[in-house]
Amino acid sequence: MVTLQRVNVTDPDVAAPRRLQPAEADALLGAAILTDEGRQNPYDAYRLIREQLGHYRSALGSIIVADYEGCLEVLRNPALGRPEPDMELSPGLSGRERRDEERRGSMLFANPPDHTRLRSLVSRTFTPRRIEAMRPRIETLLAPILDEMADLGTLDVLEVLGARLPAAVISELLGVPPELHETLAPHVRASTAFIDAAADDEAIATAEAGVAVMGEVFEQLIADKRRAPDDGLMSALIQVEEAGDRLSHGELLANTGLMYAAGFETTTNLIGNGLFALLSHPDELQRLRADSSLMPSAIWELLRWDSPVQLNVRAALRDVEILGESVGYGQIYTVLQGSGNRDEAAYPVADGLDVGRFVDRSTPPPLSFGWGPHHCLGAALARAEGEIVFGGLLDRFASLELLEAPSFRSSFTLRGLTSLNVACRSR
């Protein structure tokens, strides 16, 4: 990582008249990623980088992209994909990528044609119809959690609701016994270090150990489903076939684990970040209470305003011209999705929360689920869970009050709170 310089991003005099230099931008971004203080609010640093540079070449070699249009261009360009094993990744700003054989079977790390094939097979089972059919079940799973919240009165929403409901939903969808969640949850969270720009060597080692445990659990689950199939998604993935092609055992193992992890970690952060945003903007909370038809728009806005995923990494898979520059194979791009989501050029009053912002269908969608070939396959499920959770909270509780200012976890790429302590009063 570059040497961090002290740059006061809250001082308006920093922005003018002198143009921000790439080394200063590296220092700002480094502080936002690597320091607890910076991770609490990276948006001031984003704003300076976005408004003064848009994108720039870091001293570490990665091209940092902070504006909405630039992020979109990188994420959508078919000449860019996930870094290949022979590419040299810059330390720090681009995070780390897995280099072992297991990455080859995962959609998360694959490029075409492997990614195209894997996504096509998985998409045949993870359908919009299957997700829509889960809505009544999500409501059923939520009901006893809301009862528990009402009984407690004061609680950590992340502990009681944010972690439990998404885990229950993805477990039921895949066919994972719910009692395995306590075994898997700490290892799932640890495994996210592989994509985290703030991860150190200790976190990576813990992630390796966690992935090994997850592999053992899913190995046994796959064997069980082969012997006794059920109507869950894991059994469907075992049986899916397209033009004579099936998922290999390694691909099943990699992608069921991926779907399980992605199915609750980011949704947990949507619930936590989103509720914190609403409690911090009581006028918008009241507006949503008064008009439940705003809920789909509100979920998009919560995803935009404080995205559960802040950063993505792409690499040039061949020589290409992008962002007005010709680059060669292996050029790394660090896409600051969280910054693009706050771009005034895409969203007027972008730092403000507006639960009705996405009622206008011409409003560009946020970058929170990525874009292009690697657009999150579970985006519709996350939005459905968000709509049901926030709708349930507002229907059940006459008031929700923040008891203390929360803090964000040490992870940067996946942005989420350590806890969210609230008081709730039933109607």
Protein backbone atom coordinates (compact mmCIF):
# COMPACT_ATOMS: atom_id res chain seq x y z
CA MET A 1 0.00 0.00 0.00
CA VAL A 2 1.19 3.52 -0.71
CA THR A 3 2.33 5.63 2.23
CA LEU A 4 -0.74 7.33 3.67
CA GLN A 5 -0.62 11.09 3.81
CA ARG A 6 -2.82 13.23 6.03
CA VAL A 7 -5.45 14.72 3.73
CA ASN A 8 -8.43 16.48 5.31
CA VAL A 9 -11.31 15.40 3.10
CA THR A 10 -13.87 17.34 5.15
CA ASP A 11 -12.19 20.69 4.46
CA PRO A 12 -13.74 22.28 1.35
CA ASP A 13 -10.49 24.13 0.69
CA VAL A 14 -8.81 20.82 -0.23
CA ALA A 15 -10.89 20.55 -3.38
CA ALA A 16 -9.82 23.92 -4.83
CA PRO A 17 -8.02 25.48 -6.45
CA ARG A 18 -5.36 22.77 -6.77
CA ARG A 19 -6.37 19.58 -8.56
CA LEU A 20 -6.15 16.38 -6.54
CA GLN A 21 -3.08 14.38 -7.51
CA PRO A 22 -3.15 10.58 -7.97
CA ALA A 23 -0.82 10.08 -4.99
CA GLU A 24 -3.22 12.07 -2.81
CA ALA A 25 -6.14 10.05 -4.15
CA ASP A 26 -4.26 6.86 -3.25
CA ALA A 27 -3.75 8.20 0.27
CA LEU A 28 -7.42 9.12 0.63
CA LEU A 29 -8.58 5.75 -0.60
CA GLY A 30 -5.98 3.91 1.44
CA ALA A 31 -7.21 5.63 4.60
CA ALA A 32 -10.82 4.80 3.71
CA ILE A 33 -9.93 1.13 3.27
CA LEU A 34 -7.32 0.52 5.95
CA THR A 35 -8.33 2.66 8.93
CA ASP A 36 -11.29 2.18 11.23
CA GLU A 37 -12.04 5.89 11.05
CA GLY A 38 -12.01 5.89 7.26
CA ARG A 39 -14.24 2.84 6.96
CA GLN A 40 -16.97 4.50 9.00
CA ASN A 41 -17.54 6.97 6.16
CA PRO A 42 -15.62 6.52 2.91
CA TYR A 43 -17.99 8.80 1.02
CA ASP A 44 -16.10 12.07 1.54
CA ALA A 45 -12.98 10.47 0.08
CA TYR A 46 -15.03 9.02 -2.78
CA ARG A 47 -16.47 12.44 -3.55
CA LEU A 48 -13.11 14.15 -3.92
CA ILE A 49 -11.72 11.38 -6.11
CA ARG A 50 -14.89 11.19 -8.21
CA GLU A 51 -15.35 14.91 -8.74
CA GLN A 52 -11.71 15.77 -9.40
CA LEU A 53 -10.43 12.69 -11.20
CA GLY A 54 -13.33 10.40 -12.15
CA HIS A 55 -10.78 7.66 -12.67
CA TYR A 56 -7.02 7.56 -12.35
CA ARG A 57 -4.03 5.22 -12.43
CA SER A 58 -2.89 4.32 -8.94
CA ALA A 59 0.80 4.12 -8.06
CA LEU A 60 0.14 0.42 -7.53
CA GLY A 61 -0.85 -0.03 -11.18
CA SER A 62 -4.61 -0.51 -10.84
CA ILE A 63 -6.90 2.00 -12.52
CA ILE A 64 -9.29 3.30 -9.86
CA VAL A 65 -12.78 4.13 -11.19
CA ALA A 66 -15.02 6.32 -9.02
CA ASP A 67 -17.72 7.85 -11.27
CA TYR A 68 -20.98 6.14 -12.22
CA GLU A 69 -20.49 6.10 -15.99
CA GLY A 70 -16.91 4.90 -15.65
CA CYS A 71 -17.92 2.09 -13.29
CA LEU A 72 -20.70 1.06 -15.65
CA GLU A 73 -18.37 1.08 -18.66
CA VAL A 74 -15.87 -1.18 -16.92
CA LEU A 75 -18.45 -3.60 -15.51
CA ARG A 76 -20.31 -3.95 -18.83
CA ASN A 77 -17.35 -4.28 -21.18
CA PRO A 78 -17.07 -7.90 -22.40
CA ALA A 79 -13.30 -7.50 -22.82
CA LEU A 80 -12.97 -7.19 -19.05
CA GLY A 81 -13.54 -9.97 -16.54
CA ARG A 82 -12.17 -11.55 -13.41
CA PRO A 83 -8.37 -11.56 -12.99
CA GLU A 84 -6.77 -14.69 -14.41
CA PRO A 85 -4.21 -16.72 -12.39
CA ASP A 86 -1.29 -15.49 -14.53
CA MET A 87 -2.09 -11.82 -13.93
CA GLU A 88 -0.18 -9.76 -11.40
CA LEU A 89 -2.58 -8.19 -8.92
CA SER A 90 -1.55 -4.98 -7.23
CA PRO A 91 -1.59 -5.33 -3.44
CA GLY A 92 -4.02 -3.37 -1.31
CA LEU A 93 -6.46 -1.48 -3.51
CA SER A 94 -7.53 -4.47 -5.60
CA GLY A 95 -7.97 -6.92 -2.75
CA ARG A 96 -6.89 -10.54 -3.14
CA GLU A 97 -8.03 -13.33 -5.40
CA ARG A 98 -7.97 -17.05 -4.77
CA ARG A 99 -5.29 -18.85 -6.76
CA ASP A 100 -6.08 -22.49 -6.07
CA GLU A 101 -7.88 -25.01 -8.24
CA GLU A 102 -11.21 -24.48 -6.48
CA ARG A 103 -11.59 -21.02 -8.01
CA ARG A 104 -11.85 -22.61 -11.45
CA GLY A 105 -15.24 -24.12 -10.72
CA SER A 106 -16.82 -21.02 -9.22
CA MET A 107 -18.85 -18.50 -11.20
CA LEU A 108 -17.37 -15.79 -8.99
CA PHE A 109 -13.88 -16.24 -10.42
CA ALA A 110 -14.66 -17.58 -13.90
CA ASN A 111 -14.51 -15.86 -17.28
CA PRO A 112 -16.14 -16.84 -20.59
CA PRO A 113 -16.56 -19.44 -21.89
CA ASP A 114 -16.48 -21.20 -18.50
CA HIS A 115 -18.51 -18.47 -16.79
CA THR A 116 -21.10 -18.45 -19.57
CA ARG A 117 -21.56 -22.21 -19.27
CA LEU A 118 -21.73 -22.24 -15.47
CA ARG A 119 -24.14 -19.32 -15.25
CA SER A 120 -26.39 -20.84 -17.90
CA LEU A 121 -26.64 -24.13 -16.00
CA VAL A 122 -27.24 -22.47 -12.62
CA SER A 123 -29.77 -20.04 -14.11
CA ARG A 124 -31.90 -22.96 -15.29
CA THR A 125 -32.63 -23.76 -11.64
CA PHE A 126 -32.32 -20.37 -9.91
CA THR A 127 -35.26 -18.90 -11.79
CA PRO A 128 -37.44 -15.82 -11.17
CA ARG A 129 -40.39 -18.19 -10.69
CA ARG A 130 -38.55 -20.06 -7.92
CA ILE A 131 -37.64 -16.79 -6.21
CA GLU A 132 -41.17 -15.39 -6.47
CA ALA A 133 -42.53 -18.63 -5.02
CA MET A 134 -40.33 -18.05 -1.96
CA ARG A 135 -42.13 -14.82 -0.96
CA PRO A 136 -44.86 -16.44 1.18
CA ARG A 137 -42.25 -18.64 2.84
CA ILE A 138 -40.03 -15.64 3.62
CA GLU A 139 -43.03 -13.98 5.30
CA THR A 140 -43.62 -17.15 7.33
CA LEU A 141 -39.97 -17.30 8.40
CA LEU A 142 -40.04 -13.60 9.35
CA ALA A 143 -43.16 -13.76 11.56
CA PRO A 144 -41.64 -15.48 14.64
CA ILE A 145 -38.58 -13.22 14.43
CA LEU A 146 -40.83 -10.14 14.59
CA ASP A 147 -42.61 -11.73 17.57
CA GLU A 148 -39.26 -12.18 19.30
CA MET A 149 -38.30 -8.59 18.57
CA ALA A 150 -41.58 -7.39 20.09
CA ASP A 151 -41.00 -9.48 23.22
CA LEU A 152 -37.46 -8.19 23.64
CA GLY A 153 -38.26 -4.51 23.11
CA THR A 154 -34.58 -3.58 22.89
CA LEU A 155 -32.24 -5.69 20.80
CA ASP A 156 -29.44 -5.96 18.29
CA VAL A 157 -31.34 -6.14 14.99
CA LEU A 158 -28.40 -7.78 13.23
CA GLU A 159 -28.26 -10.60 15.75
CA VAL A 160 -31.98 -11.27 16.02
CA LEU A 161 -33.09 -10.51 12.45
CA GLY A 162 -30.30 -9.52 10.08
CA ALA A 163 -28.23 -12.67 10.36
CA ARG A 164 -30.98 -15.21 11.04
CA LEU A 165 -33.59 -14.52 8.38
CA PRO A 166 -31.31 -14.45 5.30
CA ALA A 167 -29.59 -17.62 6.52
CA ALA A 168 -32.95 -19.34 6.99
CA VAL A 169 -34.11 -18.26 3.53
CA ILE A 170 -31.02 -19.41 1.63
CA SER A 171 -30.88 -22.62 3.68
CA GLU A 172 -34.44 -23.47 2.73
CA LEU A 173 -33.90 -22.48 -0.89
CA LEU A 174 -30.83 -24.68 -1.26
CA GLY A 175 -32.00 -27.47 1.00
CA VAL A 176 -29.37 -26.94 3.71
CA PRO A 177 -30.55 -28.14 7.15
CA PRO A 178 -31.07 -25.01 9.29
CA GLU A 179 -29.10 -26.49 12.19
CA LEU A 180 -25.95 -26.26 10.06
CA HIS A 181 -26.08 -22.47 9.99
CA GLU A 182 -24.26 -22.04 13.30
CA THR A 183 -21.48 -24.26 11.96
CA LEU A 184 -21.23 -22.47 8.63
CA ALA A 185 -21.85 -18.81 9.53
CA PRO A 186 -18.43 -17.88 10.99
CA HIS A 187 -16.65 -19.61 8.12
CA VAL A 188 -18.79 -17.87 5.52
CA ARG A 189 -17.94 -14.48 7.00
CA ALA A 190 -14.25 -15.40 7.19
CA SER A 191 -14.22 -16.51 3.55
CA THR A 192 -15.18 -13.03 2.36
CA ALA A 193 -11.57 -11.97 3.06
CA PHE A 194 -10.69 -13.30 -0.40
CA ILE A 195 -12.53 -10.38 -1.98
CA ASP A 196 -11.84 -7.78 0.70
CA ALA A 197 -9.43 -4.94 -0.03
CA ALA A 198 -8.78 -4.53 3.71
CA ALA A 199 -7.84 -8.17 4.39
CA ASP A 200 -4.45 -8.91 5.94
CA ASP A 201 -2.47 -12.16 5.94
CA GLU A 202 -4.16 -13.39 9.11
CA ALA A 203 -7.61 -12.84 7.60
CA ILE A 204 -6.60 -14.73 4.46
CA ALA A 205 -5.31 -17.66 6.52
CA THR A 206 -8.58 -17.74 8.49
CA ALA A 207 -10.49 -17.62 5.21
CA GLU A 208 -8.55 -20.61 3.87
CA ALA A 209 -9.42 -22.61 6.97
CA GLY A 210 -13.05 -21.53 6.74
CA VAL A 211 -13.36 -22.56 3.12
CA ALA A 212 -11.97 -25.97 4.01
CA VAL A 213 -14.68 -26.46 6.65
CA MET A 214 -17.38 -25.27 4.25
CA GLY A 215 -16.06 -27.67 1.63
CA GLU A 216 -16.38 -30.62 4.00
CA VAL A 217 -19.94 -29.67 4.94
CA PHE A 218 -21.10 -29.18 1.35
CA GLU A 219 -19.29 -32.33 0.23
CA GLN A 220 -21.46 -34.32 2.64
CA LEU A 221 -24.62 -32.41 1.70
CA ILE A 222 -24.11 -33.11 -2.00
CA ALA A 223 -23.61 -36.80 -1.26
CA ASP A 224 -26.81 -36.81 0.80
CA LYS A 225 -28.79 -35.08 -1.98
CA ARG A 226 -27.54 -37.56 -4.56
CA ARG A 227 -28.88 -40.40 -2.43
CA ALA A 228 -32.13 -38.68 -1.48
CA PRO A 229 -33.02 -35.70 -3.71
CA ASP A 230 -35.48 -33.12 -2.42
CA ASP A 231 -37.11 -30.08 -4.01
CA GLY A 232 -34.32 -27.71 -2.95
CA LEU A 233 -32.01 -25.86 -5.28
CA MET A 234 -29.01 -28.05 -4.46
CA SER A 235 -30.81 -31.16 -5.69
CA ALA A 236 -31.92 -29.26 -8.79
CA LEU A 237 -28.31 -28.25 -9.50
CA ILE A 238 -27.22 -31.88 -9.24
CA GLN A 239 -29.85 -32.86 -11.78
CA VAL A 240 -29.71 -29.89 -14.15
CA GLU A 241 -28.58 -30.61 -17.68
CA GLU A 242 -28.27 -28.47 -20.80
CA ALA A 243 -27.36 -29.90 -24.20
CA GLY A 244 -25.91 -32.96 -22.47
CA ASP A 245 -23.80 -30.85 -20.12
CA ARG A 246 -23.90 -31.06 -16.33
CA LEU A 247 -22.08 -29.41 -13.46
CA SER A 248 -19.06 -31.42 -12.35
CA HIS A 249 -18.70 -32.38 -8.71
CA GLY A 250 -16.14 -29.62 -8.17
CA GLU A 251 -18.42 -27.09 -9.82
CA LEU A 252 -21.34 -28.18 -7.64
CA LEU A 253 -19.19 -27.83 -4.55
CA ALA A 254 -17.87 -24.39 -5.50
CA ASN A 255 -21.18 -22.89 -6.60
CA THR A 256 -23.46 -24.23 -3.88
CA GLY A 257 -21.01 -22.83 -1.34
CA LEU A 258 -20.90 -19.55 -3.24
CA MET A 259 -24.69 -19.27 -3.38
CA TYR A 260 -25.02 -20.06 0.31
CA ALA A 261 -22.47 -17.42 1.30
CA ALA A 262 -23.78 -14.77 -1.09
CA GLY A 263 -27.35 -15.58 -0.07
CA PHE A 264 -27.04 -14.26 3.43
CA GLU A 265 -23.92 -12.14 3.92
CA THR A 266 -24.92 -9.31 1.57
CA THR A 267 -28.60 -9.49 2.54
CA THR A 268 -27.65 -9.20 6.21
CA ASN A 269 -25.79 -6.02 5.30
CA LEU A 270 -28.74 -4.71 3.28
CA ILE A 271 -30.96 -5.11 6.35
CA GLY A 272 -28.45 -3.53 8.74
CA ASN A 273 -27.23 -0.69 6.52
CA GLY A 274 -30.75 -0.04 5.26
CA LEU A 275 -32.41 0.17 8.66
CA PHE A 276 -29.60 2.40 9.95
CA ALA A 277 -30.15 4.69 6.96
CA LEU A 278 -33.90 4.92 7.59
CA LEU A 279 -33.48 5.52 11.32
CA SER A 280 -30.98 8.26 10.49
CA HIS A 281 -33.51 9.89 8.12
CA PRO A 282 -36.79 9.94 10.09
CA ASP A 283 -38.62 12.01 7.48
CA GLU A 284 -37.94 9.35 4.85
CA LEU A 285 -38.91 6.61 7.29
CA GLN A 286 -42.23 8.34 7.93
CA ARG A 287 -42.74 8.85 4.20
CA LEU A 288 -42.31 5.11 3.66
CA ARG A 289 -44.69 4.32 6.53
CA ALA A 290 -47.31 6.55 4.94
CA ASP A 291 -47.01 5.04 1.46
CA SER A 292 -46.11 1.36 1.25
CA SER A 293 -46.18 1.53 -2.56
CA LEU A 294 -42.76 3.20 -2.27
CA MET A 295 -41.19 0.02 -0.87
CA PRO A 296 -39.65 -1.33 -4.13
CA SER A 297 -38.13 2.09 -4.80
CA ALA A 298 -36.97 2.34 -1.19
CA ILE A 299 -35.07 -0.95 -1.41
CA TRP A 300 -33.23 0.27 -4.51
CA GLU A 301 -32.45 3.52 -2.71
CA LEU A 302 -31.13 1.78 0.40
CA LEU A 303 -28.92 -0.36 -1.83
CA ARG A 304 -27.67 2.76 -3.58
CA TRP A 305 -27.14 4.95 -0.53
CA ASP A 306 -24.94 2.55 1.44
CA SER A 307 -24.19 -0.43 -0.76
CA PRO A 308 -23.43 -3.80 0.87
CA VAL A 309 -20.79 -4.24 -1.85
CA GLN A 310 -18.46 -1.25 -2.20
CA LEU A 311 -15.82 -2.47 -4.60
CA ASN A 312 -15.27 -4.85 -7.49
CA VAL A 313 -12.19 -5.86 -9.45
CA ARG A 314 -11.98 -6.37 -13.20
CA ALA A 315 -9.09 -7.15 -15.53
CA ALA A 316 -8.51 -6.70 -19.25
CA LEU A 317 -8.75 -10.15 -20.84
CA ARG A 318 -7.36 -8.80 -24.10
CA ASP A 319 -6.11 -5.53 -25.53
CA VAL A 320 -8.97 -3.03 -25.37
CA GLU A 321 -9.77 0.66 -25.47
CA ILE A 322 -11.76 1.73 -22.44
CA LEU A 323 -12.26 4.99 -20.54
CA GLY A 324 -10.51 6.74 -23.42
CA GLU A 325 -7.31 4.73 -23.07
CA SER A 326 -5.83 1.69 -24.80
CA VAL A 327 -4.72 -0.96 -22.31
CA GLY A 328 -3.23 -4.41 -22.62
CA TYR A 329 -3.98 -7.85 -21.23
CA GLY A 330 -3.87 -7.94 -17.44
CA GLN A 331 -4.63 -4.29 -16.70
CA ILE A 332 -6.49 -4.26 -13.39
CA TYR A 333 -9.46 -1.98 -12.65
CA THR A 334 -10.70 -1.28 -9.14
CA VAL A 335 -14.37 -0.31 -9.50
CA LEU A 336 -15.67 1.78 -6.59
CA GLN A 337 -19.35 0.91 -6.86
CA GLY A 338 -20.11 2.68 -3.59
CA SER A 339 -18.70 5.87 -5.09
CA GLY A 340 -20.54 5.52 -8.38
CA ASN A 341 -23.78 5.18 -6.43
CA ARG A 342 -23.19 8.66 -4.96
CA ASP A 343 -22.40 10.35 -8.30
CA GLU A 344 -24.42 13.56 -8.72
CA ALA A 345 -24.24 13.11 -12.49
CA ALA A 346 -26.40 9.99 -12.13
CA TYR A 347 -28.41 10.87 -9.01
CA PRO A 348 -29.34 14.47 -8.13
CA VAL A 349 -28.73 15.18 -4.43
CA ALA A 350 -26.88 11.88 -4.35
CA ASP A 351 -25.82 12.19 -0.70
CA GLY A 352 -29.46 12.53 0.34
CA LEU A 353 -31.76 9.58 1.02
CA ASP A 354 -34.92 9.62 -1.13
CA VAL A 355 -37.13 6.53 -0.82
CA GLY A 356 -39.11 7.62 -3.89
CA ARG A 357 -36.08 8.14 -6.12
CA PHE A 358 -36.61 4.97 -8.18
CA VAL A 359 -40.34 5.46 -8.76
CA ASP A 360 -39.18 7.25 -11.90
CA ARG A 361 -38.21 4.33 -14.12
CA SER A 362 -35.72 6.49 -16.01
CA THR A 363 -33.52 6.67 -12.90
CA PRO A 364 -30.45 4.53 -13.58
CA PRO A 365 -30.21 1.44 -11.37
CA PRO A 366 -27.53 1.44 -8.68
CA LEU A 367 -24.29 -0.47 -9.15
CA SER A 368 -24.74 -2.45 -5.94
CA PHE A 369 -25.32 -5.80 -7.65
CA GLY A 370 -22.62 -5.24 -10.23
CA TRP A 371 -23.38 -5.19 -13.94
CA GLY A 372 -22.70 -7.16 -17.07
CA PRO A 373 -21.88 -10.89 -17.12
CA HIS A 374 -21.16 -10.98 -13.36
CA HIS A 375 -24.36 -9.18 -12.31
CA CYS A 376 -25.43 -10.80 -9.04
CA LEU A 377 -27.60 -13.84 -9.78
CA GLY A 378 -29.39 -13.45 -6.44
CA ALA A 379 -30.29 -9.77 -6.86
CA ALA A 380 -34.02 -10.45 -7.16
CA LEU A 381 -33.98 -12.62 -4.03
CA ALA A 382 -32.16 -9.93 -2.02
CA ARG A 383 -34.66 -7.29 -3.14
CA ALA A 384 -37.59 -9.55 -2.29
CA GLU A 385 -36.19 -10.20 1.19
CA GLY A 386 -35.61 -6.48 1.65
CA GLU A 387 -39.17 -5.59 0.68
CA ILE A 388 -40.63 -8.22 3.00
CA VAL A 389 -38.36 -7.39 5.95
CA PHE A 390 -38.83 -3.62 5.86
CA GLY A 391 -42.52 -3.98 5.13
CA GLY A 392 -42.85 -6.33 8.10
CA LEU A 393 -40.94 -4.02 10.42
CA LEU A 394 -43.07 -1.00 9.55
CA ASP A 395 -46.33 -2.95 9.77
CA ARG A 396 -45.49 -4.52 13.14
CA PHE A 397 -43.81 -1.67 15.00
CA ALA A 398 -45.24 1.77 15.68
CA SER A 399 -41.76 3.05 16.45
CA LEU A 400 -38.18 1.98 15.90
CA GLU A 401 -35.51 3.98 17.72
CA LEU A 402 -31.75 3.86 17.33
CA LEU A 403 -30.19 3.43 20.78
CA GLU A 404 -26.58 4.19 19.89
CA ALA A 405 -24.50 5.07 16.87
CA PRO A 406 -23.29 1.83 15.30
CA SER A 407 -19.89 1.18 13.78
CA PHE A 408 -18.93 -0.63 10.59
CA ARG A 409 -16.92 -3.83 10.50
CA SER A 410 -13.26 -3.98 9.50
CA SER A 411 -14.20 -5.34 6.08
CA PHE A 412 -14.26 -2.76 3.29
CA THR A 413 -15.40 -4.54 0.12
CA LEU A 414 -18.46 -5.94 1.90
CA ARG A 415 -19.78 -3.06 4.01
CA GLY A 416 -21.77 -3.95 7.09
CA LEU A 417 -22.34 -2.99 10.71
CA THR A 418 -20.97 -4.80 13.74
CA SER A 419 -24.33 -4.37 15.52
CA LEU A 420 -27.48 -2.26 15.36
CA ASN A 421 -29.11 -1.73 18.75
CA VAL A 422 -32.68 -0.44 18.59
CA ALA A 423 -35.80 -0.11 20.71
CA CYS A 424 -39.04 -1.20 19.06
CA ARG A 425 -42.62 -0.64 20.17
CA SER A 426 -45.46 -2.71 18.74
CA ARG A 427 -48.64 -1.17 17.42
